[in-house]
Amino acid sequence: MSENLNSEVGGEACQSIEAGVERGAAALGIGVSAAKERFDHAQEYLEDGLDYARMARQTLADFVTRQPLLTIGGAFLIGYLAARMLRRVSSS
């Protein structure tokens, strides 16, 4: 049942995106195929960014697992410096 719901929602989302691409192409005065190409390029760019964020999260998680005391010390230092900067900004 959930697969049917997901496919229905995915199908509706794709139709909505395609309609948006067509409206955007008309507003920009470019062809639908050019708009779809630009949309696909933007989607690939976003996917690359998400992959990079996932890799960075995994790297950070591995570091925290290997060096918990260093992580706690670093978090304390960052918090201390942020508090000092905020104190200076609020007193000016």
PDB file of N, CA and C in Angstrom:
ATOM      1  N   MET A   1       0.815  -1.183   0.000  1.00  0.00           N
ATOM      2  CA  MET A   1       0.000   0.000   0.000  1.00  0.00           C
ATOM      3  C   MET A   1       0.868   1.261   0.000  1.00  0.00           C
ATOM      4  N   SER A   2       1.933   1.276   0.833  1.00  0.00           N
ATOM      5  CA  SER A   2       2.780   2.465   0.900  1.00  0.00           C
ATOM      6  C   SER A   2       3.517   2.691  -0.419  1.00  0.00           C
ATOM      7  N   GLU A   3       3.856   1.599  -1.125  1.00  0.00           N
ATOM      8  CA  GLU A   3       4.514   1.759  -2.420  1.00  0.00           C
ATOM      9  C   GLU A   3       3.582   2.453  -3.411  1.00  0.00           C
ATOM     10  N   ASN A   4       2.296   2.084  -3.384  1.00  0.00           N
ATOM     11  CA  ASN A   4       1.334   2.735  -4.274  1.00  0.00           C
ATOM     12  C   ASN A   4       1.207   4.210  -3.940  1.00  0.00           C
ATOM     13  N   LEU A   5       1.153   4.525  -2.644  1.00  0.00           N
ATOM     14  CA  LEU A   5       1.046   5.914  -2.216  1.00  0.00           C
ATOM     15  C   LEU A   5       2.282   6.695  -2.634  1.00  0.00           C
ATOM     16  N   ASN A   6       3.477   6.096  -2.431  1.00  0.00           N
ATOM     17  CA  ASN A   6       4.712   6.764  -2.836  1.00  0.00           C
ATOM     18  C   ASN A   6       4.756   6.998  -4.338  1.00  0.00           C
ATOM     19  N   SER A   7       4.332   6.017  -5.120  1.00  0.00           N
ATOM     20  CA  SER A   7       4.371   6.184  -6.569  1.00  0.00           C
ATOM     21  C   SER A   7       3.355   7.223  -7.019  1.00  0.00           C
ATOM     22  N   GLU A   8       2.188   7.271  -6.347  1.00  0.00           N
ATOM     23  CA  GLU A   8       1.190   8.277  -6.683  1.00  0.00           C
ATOM     24  C   GLU A   8       1.709   9.672  -6.359  1.00  0.00           C
ATOM     25  N   VAL A   9       2.297   9.832  -5.180  1.00  0.00           N
ATOM     26  CA  VAL A   9       2.832  11.123  -4.775  1.00  0.00           C
ATOM     27  C   VAL A   9       3.988  11.516  -5.679  1.00  0.00           C
ATOM     28  N   GLY A  10       4.869  10.550  -5.998  1.00  0.00           N
ATOM     29  CA  GLY A  10       5.985  10.826  -6.895  1.00  0.00           C
ATOM     30  C   GLY A  10       5.507  11.225  -8.276  1.00  0.00           C
ATOM     31  N   GLY A  11       4.471  10.564  -8.761  1.00  0.00           N
ATOM     32  CA  GLY A  11       3.921  10.897 -10.068  1.00  0.00           C
ATOM     33  C   GLY A  11       3.315  12.290 -10.083  1.00  0.00           C
ATOM     34  N   GLU A  12       2.607  12.630  -9.008  1.00  0.00           N
ATOM     35  CA  GLU A  12       2.026  13.969  -8.916  1.00  0.00           C
ATOM     36  C   GLU A  12       3.116  15.027  -8.825  1.00  0.00           C
ATOM     37  N   ALA A  13       4.177  14.733  -8.080  1.00  0.00           N
ATOM     38  CA  ALA A  13       5.284  15.684  -7.957  1.00  0.00           C
ATOM     39  C   ALA A  13       5.960  15.895  -9.299  1.00  0.00           C
ATOM     40  N   CYS A  14       6.167  14.814 -10.051  1.00  0.00           N
ATOM     41  CA  CYS A  14       6.791  14.939 -11.371  1.00  0.00           C
ATOM     42  C   CYS A  14       5.920  15.759 -12.314  1.00  0.00           C
ATOM     43  N   GLN A  15       4.615  15.538 -12.267  1.00  0.00           N
ATOM     44  CA  GLN A  15       3.718  16.327 -13.111  1.00  0.00           C
ATOM     45  C   GLN A  15       3.764  17.795 -12.726  1.00  0.00           C
ATOM     46  N   SER A  16       3.808  18.065 -11.436  1.00  0.00           N
ATOM     47  CA  SER A  16       3.875  19.444 -10.959  1.00  0.00           C
ATOM     48  C   SER A  16       5.179  20.107 -11.383  1.00  0.00           C
ATOM     49  N   ILE A  17       6.280  19.373 -11.296  1.00  0.00           N
ATOM     50  CA  ILE A  17       7.584  19.905 -11.712  1.00  0.00           C
ATOM     51  C   ILE A  17       7.586  20.178 -13.208  1.00  0.00           C
ATOM     52  N   GLU A  18       7.055  19.249 -13.981  1.00  0.00           N
ATOM     53  CA  GLU A  18       7.013  19.450 -15.433  1.00  0.00           C
ATOM     54  C   GLU A  18       6.166  20.663 -15.797  1.00  0.00           C
ATOM     55  N   ALA A  19       5.050  20.844 -15.104  1.00  0.00           N
ATOM     56  CA  ALA A  19       4.207  22.014 -15.367  1.00  0.00           C
ATOM     57  C   ALA A  19       4.954  23.289 -14.997  1.00  0.00           C
ATOM     58  N   GLY A  20       5.701  23.249 -13.893  1.00  0.00           N
ATOM     59  CA  GLY A  20       6.495  24.408 -13.488  1.00  0.00           C
ATOM     60  C   GLY A  20       7.592  24.725 -14.486  1.00  0.00           C
ATOM     61  N   VAL A  21       8.221  23.706 -15.026  1.00  0.00           N
ATOM     62  CA  VAL A  21       9.265  23.910 -16.039  1.00  0.00           C
ATOM     63  C   VAL A  21       8.656  24.540 -17.284  1.00  0.00           C
ATOM     64  N   GLU A  22       7.493  24.073 -17.671  1.00  0.00           N
ATOM     65  CA  GLU A  22       6.840  24.641 -18.855  1.00  0.00           C
ATOM     66  C   GLU A  22       6.468  26.103 -18.626  1.00  0.00           C
ATOM     67  N   ARG A  23       5.938  26.432 -17.440  1.00  0.00           N
ATOM     68  CA  ARG A  23       5.593  27.833 -17.141  1.00  0.00           C
ATOM     69  C   ARG A  23       6.843  28.690 -17.083  1.00  0.00           C
ATOM     70  N   GLY A  24       7.921  28.153 -16.474  1.00  0.00           N
ATOM     71  CA  GLY A  24       9.175  28.894 -16.400  1.00  0.00           C
ATOM     72  C   GLY A  24       9.779  29.137 -17.766  1.00  0.00           C
ATOM     73  N   ALA A  25       9.696  28.142 -18.631  1.00  0.00           N
ATOM     74  CA  ALA A  25      10.225  28.292 -19.987  1.00  0.00           C
ATOM     75  C   ALA A  25       9.451  29.368 -20.735  1.00  0.00           C
ATOM     76  N   ALA A  26       8.140  29.377 -20.563  1.00  0.00           N
ATOM     77  CA  ALA A  26       7.323  30.391 -21.231  1.00  0.00           C
ATOM     78  C   ALA A  26       7.660  31.783 -20.699  1.00  0.00           C
ATOM     79  N   ALA A  27       7.860  31.895 -19.391  1.00  0.00           N
ATOM     80  CA  ALA A  27       8.172  33.196 -18.793  1.00  0.00           C
ATOM     81  C   ALA A  27       9.537  33.705 -19.245  1.00  0.00           C
ATOM     82  N   LEU A  28      10.501  32.796 -19.409  1.00  0.00           N
ATOM     83  CA  LEU A  28      11.838  33.202 -19.831  1.00  0.00           C
ATOM     84  C   LEU A  28      11.972  33.341 -21.342  1.00  0.00           C
ATOM     85  N   GLY A  29      10.988  32.857 -22.058  1.00  0.00           N
ATOM     86  CA  GLY A  29      11.040  32.945 -23.513  1.00  0.00           C
ATOM     87  C   GLY A  29      12.011  31.954 -24.131  1.00  0.00           C
ATOM     88  N   ILE A  30      12.211  30.810 -23.484  1.00  0.00           N
ATOM     89  CA  ILE A  30      13.083  29.771 -24.034  1.00  0.00           C
ATOM     90  C   ILE A  30      12.249  28.534 -24.293  1.00  0.00           C
ATOM     91  N   GLY A  31      12.814  27.616 -25.023  1.00  0.00           N
ATOM     92  CA  GLY A  31      12.106  26.387 -25.326  1.00  0.00           C
ATOM     93  C   GLY A  31      12.008  25.477 -24.117  1.00  0.00           C
ATOM     94  N   VAL A  32      11.010  24.613 -24.146  1.00  0.00           N
ATOM     95  CA  VAL A  32      10.795  23.672 -23.050  1.00  0.00           C
ATOM     96  C   VAL A  32      11.992  22.736 -22.905  1.00  0.00           C
ATOM     97  N   SER A  33      12.572  22.305 -24.022  1.00  0.00           N
ATOM     98  CA  SER A  33      13.712  21.386 -23.943  1.00  0.00           C
ATOM     99  C   SER A  33      14.911  22.074 -23.294  1.00  0.00           C
ATOM    100  N   ALA A  34      15.125  23.362 -23.597  1.00  0.00           N
ATOM    101  CA  ALA A  34      16.226  24.101 -22.967  1.00  0.00           C
ATOM    102  C   ALA A  34      15.963  24.266 -21.474  1.00  0.00           C
ATOM    103  N   ALA A  35      14.703  24.526 -21.119  1.00  0.00           N
ATOM    104  CA  ALA A  35      14.360  24.673 -19.700  1.00  0.00           C
ATOM    105  C   ALA A  35      14.550  23.356 -18.959  1.00  0.00           C
ATOM    106  N   LYS A  36      14.154  22.249 -19.583  1.00  0.00           N
ATOM    107  CA  LYS A  36      14.336  20.939 -18.958  1.00  0.00           C
ATOM    108  C   LYS A  36      15.817  20.624 -18.804  1.00  0.00           C
ATOM    109  N   GLU A  37      16.609  21.008 -19.791  1.00  0.00           N
ATOM    110  CA  GLU A  37      18.052  20.786 -19.705  1.00  0.00           C
ATOM    111  C   GLU A  37      18.649  21.576 -18.543  1.00  0.00           C
ATOM    112  N   ARG A  38      18.224  22.822 -18.394  1.00  0.00           N
ATOM    113  CA  ARG A  38      18.709  23.640 -17.276  1.00  0.00           C
ATOM    114  C   ARG A  38      18.244  23.070 -15.946  1.00  0.00           C
ATOM    115  N   PHE A  39      17.003  22.603 -15.898  1.00  0.00           N
ATOM    116  CA  PHE A  39      16.484  21.998 -14.685  1.00  0.00           C
ATOM    117  C   PHE A  39      17.271  20.737 -14.333  1.00  0.00           C
ATOM    118  N   ASP A  40      17.563  19.904 -15.321  1.00  0.00           N
ATOM    119  CA  ASP A  40      18.348  18.690 -15.084  1.00  0.00           C
ATOM    120  C   ASP A  40      19.748  19.034 -14.574  1.00  0.00           C
ATOM    121  N   HIS A  41      20.340  20.082 -15.145  1.00  0.00           N
ATOM    122  CA  HIS A  41      21.668  20.513 -14.693  1.00  0.00           C
ATOM    123  C   HIS A  41      21.607  20.977 -13.235  1.00  0.00           C
ATOM    124  N   ALA A  42      20.581  21.734 -12.887  1.00  0.00           N
ATOM    125  CA  ALA A  42      20.425  22.201 -11.510  1.00  0.00           C
ATOM    126  C   ALA A  42      20.207  21.016 -10.562  1.00  0.00           C
ATOM    127  N   GLN A  43      19.455  20.032 -11.003  1.00  0.00           N
ATOM    128  CA  GLN A  43      19.198  18.857 -10.182  1.00  0.00           C
ATOM    129  C   GLN A  43      20.492  18.070  -9.948  1.00  0.00           C
ATOM    130  N   GLU A  44      21.313  17.926 -10.973  1.00  0.00           N
ATOM    131  CA  GLU A  44      22.600  17.238 -10.822  1.00  0.00           C
ATOM    132  C   GLU A  44      23.505  18.000  -9.868  1.00  0.00           C
ATOM    133  N   TYR A  45      23.516  19.328  -9.979  1.00  0.00           N
ATOM    134  CA  TYR A  45      24.323  20.169  -9.101  1.00  0.00           C
ATOM    135  C   TYR A  45      23.886  19.990  -7.646  1.00  0.00           C
ATOM    136  N   LEU A  46      22.579  19.957  -7.413  1.00  0.00           N
ATOM    137  CA  LEU A  46      22.049  19.751  -6.069  1.00  0.00           C
ATOM    138  C   LEU A  46      22.408  18.371  -5.539  1.00  0.00           C
ATOM    139  N   GLU A  47      22.301  17.353  -6.376  1.00  0.00           N
ATOM    140  CA  GLU A  47      22.655  15.995  -5.959  1.00  0.00           C
ATOM    141  C   GLU A  47      24.135  15.896  -5.599  1.00  0.00           C
ATOM    142  N   ASP A  48      25.005  16.570  -6.381  1.00  0.00           N
ATOM    143  CA  ASP A  48      26.435  16.586  -6.051  1.00  0.00           C
ATOM    144  C   ASP A  48      26.675  17.254  -4.706  1.00  0.00           C
ATOM    145  N   GLY A  49      25.960  18.345  -4.441  1.00  0.00           N
ATOM    146  CA  GLY A  49      26.089  19.030  -3.158  1.00  0.00           C
ATOM    147  C   GLY A  49      25.631  18.155  -2.002  1.00  0.00           C
ATOM    148  N   LEU A  50      24.542  17.431  -2.206  1.00  0.00           N
ATOM    149  CA  LEU A  50      24.056  16.532  -1.165  1.00  0.00           C
ATOM    150  C   LEU A  50      25.039  15.389  -0.921  1.00  0.00           C
ATOM    151  N   ASP A  51      25.631  14.864  -1.981  1.00  0.00           N
ATOM    152  CA  ASP A  51      26.642  13.816  -1.815  1.00  0.00           C
ATOM    153  C   ASP A  51      27.830  14.332  -1.017  1.00  0.00           C
ATOM    154  N   TYR A  52      28.261  15.559  -1.320  1.00  0.00           N
ATOM    155  CA  TYR A  52      29.376  16.159  -0.581  1.00  0.00           C
ATOM    156  C   TYR A  52      29.016  16.332   0.896  1.00  0.00           C
ATOM    157  N   ALA A  53      27.799  16.776   1.166  1.00  0.00           N
ATOM    158  CA  ALA A  53      27.362  16.964   2.557  1.00  0.00           C
ATOM    159  C   ALA A  53      27.310  15.620   3.294  1.00  0.00           C
ATOM    160  N   ARG A  54      26.853  14.577   2.613  1.00  0.00           N
ATOM    161  CA  ARG A  54      26.821  13.251   3.241  1.00  0.00           C
ATOM    162  C   ARG A  54      28.230  12.751   3.568  1.00  0.00           C
ATOM    163  N   MET A  55      29.161  12.976   2.635  1.00  0.00           N
ATOM    164  CA  MET A  55      30.549  12.558   2.881  1.00  0.00           C
ATOM    165  C   MET A  55      31.144  13.339   4.051  1.00  0.00           C
ATOM    166  N   ALA A  56      30.880  14.642   4.111  1.00  0.00           N
ATOM    167  CA  ALA A  56      31.402  15.465   5.198  1.00  0.00           C
ATOM    168  C   ALA A  56      30.813  15.022   6.530  1.00  0.00           C
ATOM    169  N   ARG A  57      29.525  14.707   6.544  1.00  0.00           N
ATOM    170  CA  ARG A  57      28.884  14.237   7.781  1.00  0.00           C
ATOM    171  C   ARG A  57      29.499  12.920   8.239  1.00  0.00           C
ATOM    172  N   GLN A  58      29.737  12.023   7.303  1.00  0.00           N
ATOM    173  CA  GLN A  58      30.326  10.735   7.652  1.00  0.00           C
ATOM    174  C   GLN A  58      31.747  10.902   8.162  1.00  0.00           C
ATOM    175  N   THR A  59      32.512  11.780   7.530  1.00  0.00           N
ATOM    176  CA  THR A  59      33.880  12.039   7.971  1.00  0.00           C
ATOM    177  C   THR A  59      33.883  12.615   9.376  1.00  0.00           C
ATOM    178  N   LEU A  60      32.984  13.558   9.632  1.00  0.00           N
ATOM    179  CA  LEU A  60      32.886  14.146  10.967  1.00  0.00           C
ATOM    180  C   LEU A  60      32.454  13.107  11.989  1.00  0.00           C
ATOM    181  N   ALA A  61      31.508  12.258  11.635  1.00  0.00           N
ATOM    182  CA  ALA A  61      31.054  11.212  12.552  1.00  0.00           C
ATOM    183  C   ALA A  61      32.193  10.238  12.877  1.00  0.00           C
ATOM    184  N   ASP A  62      32.991   9.899  11.878  1.00  0.00           N
ATOM    185  CA  ASP A  62      34.140   9.017  12.116  1.00  0.00           C
ATOM    186  C   ASP A  62      35.154   9.672  13.051  1.00  0.00           C
ATOM    187  N   PHE A  63      35.411  10.978  12.854  1.00  0.00           N
ATOM    188  CA  PHE A  63      36.359  11.692  13.706  1.00  0.00           C
ATOM    189  C   PHE A  63      35.856  11.734  15.144  1.00  0.00           C
ATOM    190  N   VAL A  64      34.573  12.031  15.326  1.00  0.00           N
ATOM    191  CA  VAL A  64      34.003  12.103  16.682  1.00  0.00           C
ATOM    192  C   VAL A  64      34.094  10.742  17.361  1.00  0.00           C
ATOM    193  N   THR A  65      33.895   9.685  16.607  1.00  0.00           N
ATOM    194  CA  THR A  65      33.985   8.341  17.174  1.00  0.00           C
ATOM    195  C   THR A  65      35.413   8.004  17.596  1.00  0.00           C
ATOM    196  N   ARG A  66      36.398   8.422  16.788  1.00  0.00           N
ATOM    197  CA  ARG A  66      37.787   8.114  17.097  1.00  0.00           C
ATOM    198  C   ARG A  66      38.371   9.031  18.169  1.00  0.00           C
ATOM    199  N   GLN A  67      37.960  10.289  18.211  1.00  0.00           N
ATOM    200  CA  GLN A  67      38.552  11.289  19.104  1.00  0.00           C
ATOM    201  C   GLN A  67      37.475  12.024  19.912  1.00  0.00           C
ATOM    202  N   PRO A  68      36.791  11.356  20.827  1.00  0.00           N
ATOM    203  CA  PRO A  68      35.699  12.034  21.550  1.00  0.00           C
ATOM    204  C   PRO A  68      36.186  13.165  22.471  1.00  0.00           C
ATOM    205  N   LEU A  69      37.319  12.995  23.155  1.00  0.00           N
ATOM    206  CA  LEU A  69      37.800  14.039  24.051  1.00  0.00           C
ATOM    207  C   LEU A  69      38.228  15.278  23.283  1.00  0.00           C
ATOM    208  N   LEU A  70      38.885  15.096  22.171  1.00  0.00           N
ATOM    209  CA  LEU A  70      39.285  16.223  21.343  1.00  0.00           C
ATOM    210  C   LEU A  70      38.050  16.958  20.809  1.00  0.00           C
ATOM    211  N   THR A  71      37.021  16.209  20.474  1.00  0.00           N
ATOM    212  CA  THR A  71      35.780  16.805  19.986  1.00  0.00           C
ATOM    213  C   THR A  71      35.122  17.645  21.076  1.00  0.00           C
ATOM    214  N   ILE A  72      35.061  17.124  22.295  1.00  0.00           N
ATOM    215  CA  ILE A  72      34.458  17.866  23.408  1.00  0.00           C
ATOM    216  C   ILE A  72      35.267  19.126  23.695  1.00  0.00           C
ATOM    217  N   GLY A  73      36.583  19.010  23.684  1.00  0.00           N
ATOM    218  CA  GLY A  73      37.440  20.173  23.903  1.00  0.00           C
ATOM    219  C   GLY A  73      37.254  21.218  22.823  1.00  0.00           C
ATOM    220  N   GLY A  74      37.162  20.795  21.577  1.00  0.00           N
ATOM    221  CA  GLY A  74      36.938  21.720  20.473  1.00  0.00           C
ATOM    222  C   GLY A  74      35.586  22.409  20.578  1.00  0.00           C
ATOM    223  N   ALA A  75      34.566  21.667  20.965  1.00  0.00           N
ATOM    224  CA  ALA A  75      33.237  22.257  21.128  1.00  0.00           C
ATOM    225  C   ALA A  75      33.247  23.291  22.252  1.00  0.00           C
ATOM    226  N   PHE A  76      33.952  22.979  23.347  1.00  0.00           N
ATOM    227  CA  PHE A  76      34.061  23.933  24.447  1.00  0.00           C
ATOM    228  C   PHE A  76      34.772  25.199  23.987  1.00  0.00           C
ATOM    229  N   LEU A  77      35.870  25.052  23.262  1.00  0.00           N
ATOM    230  CA  LEU A  77      36.634  26.199  22.788  1.00  0.00           C
ATOM    231  C   LEU A  77      35.798  27.071  21.845  1.00  0.00           C
ATOM    232  N   ILE A  78      35.082  26.461  20.942  1.00  0.00           N
ATOM    233  CA  ILE A  78      34.226  27.210  20.022  1.00  0.00           C
ATOM    234  C   ILE A  78      33.138  27.954  20.796  1.00  0.00           C
ATOM    235  N   GLY A  79      32.531  27.294  21.764  1.00  0.00           N
ATOM    236  CA  GLY A  79      31.501  27.942  22.577  1.00  0.00           C
ATOM    237  C   GLY A  79      32.056  29.105  23.380  1.00  0.00           C
ATOM    238  N   TYR A  80      33.237  28.934  23.939  1.00  0.00           N
ATOM    239  CA  TYR A  80      33.881  29.994  24.715  1.00  0.00           C
ATOM    240  C   TYR A  80      34.173  31.203  23.832  1.00  0.00           C
ATOM    241  N   LEU A  81      34.746  30.974  22.664  1.00  0.00           N
ATOM    242  CA  LEU A  81      35.061  32.081  21.760  1.00  0.00           C
ATOM    243  C   LEU A  81      33.793  32.775  21.260  1.00  0.00           C
ATOM    244  N   ALA A  82      32.764  32.015  20.983  1.00  0.00           N
ATOM    245  CA  ALA A  82      31.498  32.604  20.535  1.00  0.00           C
ATOM    246  C   ALA A  82      30.888  33.465  21.641  1.00  0.00           C
ATOM    247  N   ALA A  83      30.957  32.993  22.884  1.00  0.00           N
ATOM    248  CA  ALA A  83      30.430  33.773  23.999  1.00  0.00           C
ATOM    249  C   ALA A  83      31.196  35.077  24.179  1.00  0.00           C
ATOM    250  N   ARG A  84      32.507  35.030  24.032  1.00  0.00           N
ATOM    251  CA  ARG A  84      33.310  36.257  24.144  1.00  0.00           C
ATOM    252  C   ARG A  84      32.963  37.253  23.048  1.00  0.00           C
ATOM    253  N   MET A  85      32.814  36.758  21.819  1.00  0.00           N
ATOM    254  CA  MET A  85      32.466  37.658  20.718  1.00  0.00           C
ATOM    255  C   MET A  85      31.078  38.257  20.921  1.00  0.00           C
ATOM    256  N   LEU A  86      30.116  37.447  21.356  1.00  0.00           N
ATOM    257  CA  LEU A  86      28.774  37.961  21.590  1.00  0.00           C
ATOM    258  C   LEU A  86      28.757  38.982  22.719  1.00  0.00           C
ATOM    259  N   ARG A  87      29.557  38.765  23.745  1.00  0.00           N
ATOM    260  CA  ARG A  87      29.650  39.713  24.862  1.00  0.00           C
ATOM    261  C   ARG A  87      30.196  41.045  24.364  1.00  0.00           C
ATOM    262  N   ARG A  88      31.209  41.003  23.509  1.00  0.00           N
ATOM    263  CA  ARG A  88      31.775  42.240  22.974  1.00  0.00           C
ATOM    264  C   ARG A  88      30.788  42.974  22.079  1.00  0.00           C
ATOM    265  N   VAL A  89      30.065  42.233  21.271  1.00  0.00           N
ATOM    266  CA  VAL A  89      29.097  42.858  20.366  1.00  0.00           C
ATOM    267  C   VAL A  89      27.942  43.474  21.163  1.00  0.00           C
ATOM    268  N   SER A  90      27.467  42.770  22.196  1.00  0.00           N
ATOM    269  CA  SER A  90      26.343  43.278  22.966  1.00  0.00           C
ATOM    270  C   SER A  90      26.715  44.469  23.840  1.00  0.00           C
ATOM    271  N   SER A  91      27.978  44.597  24.239  1.00  0.00           N
ATOM    272  CA  SER A  91      28.394  45.717  25.092  1.00  0.00           C
ATOM    273  C   SER A  91      28.693  46.973  24.281  1.00  0.00           C
ATOM    274  N   SER A  92      28.815  46.868  22.956  1.00  0.00           N
ATOM    275  CA  SER A  92      29.133  48.050  22.141  1.00  0.00           C
ATOM    276  C   SER A  92      27.921  48.861  21.818  1.00  0.00           C
TER     277      SER A  92
END
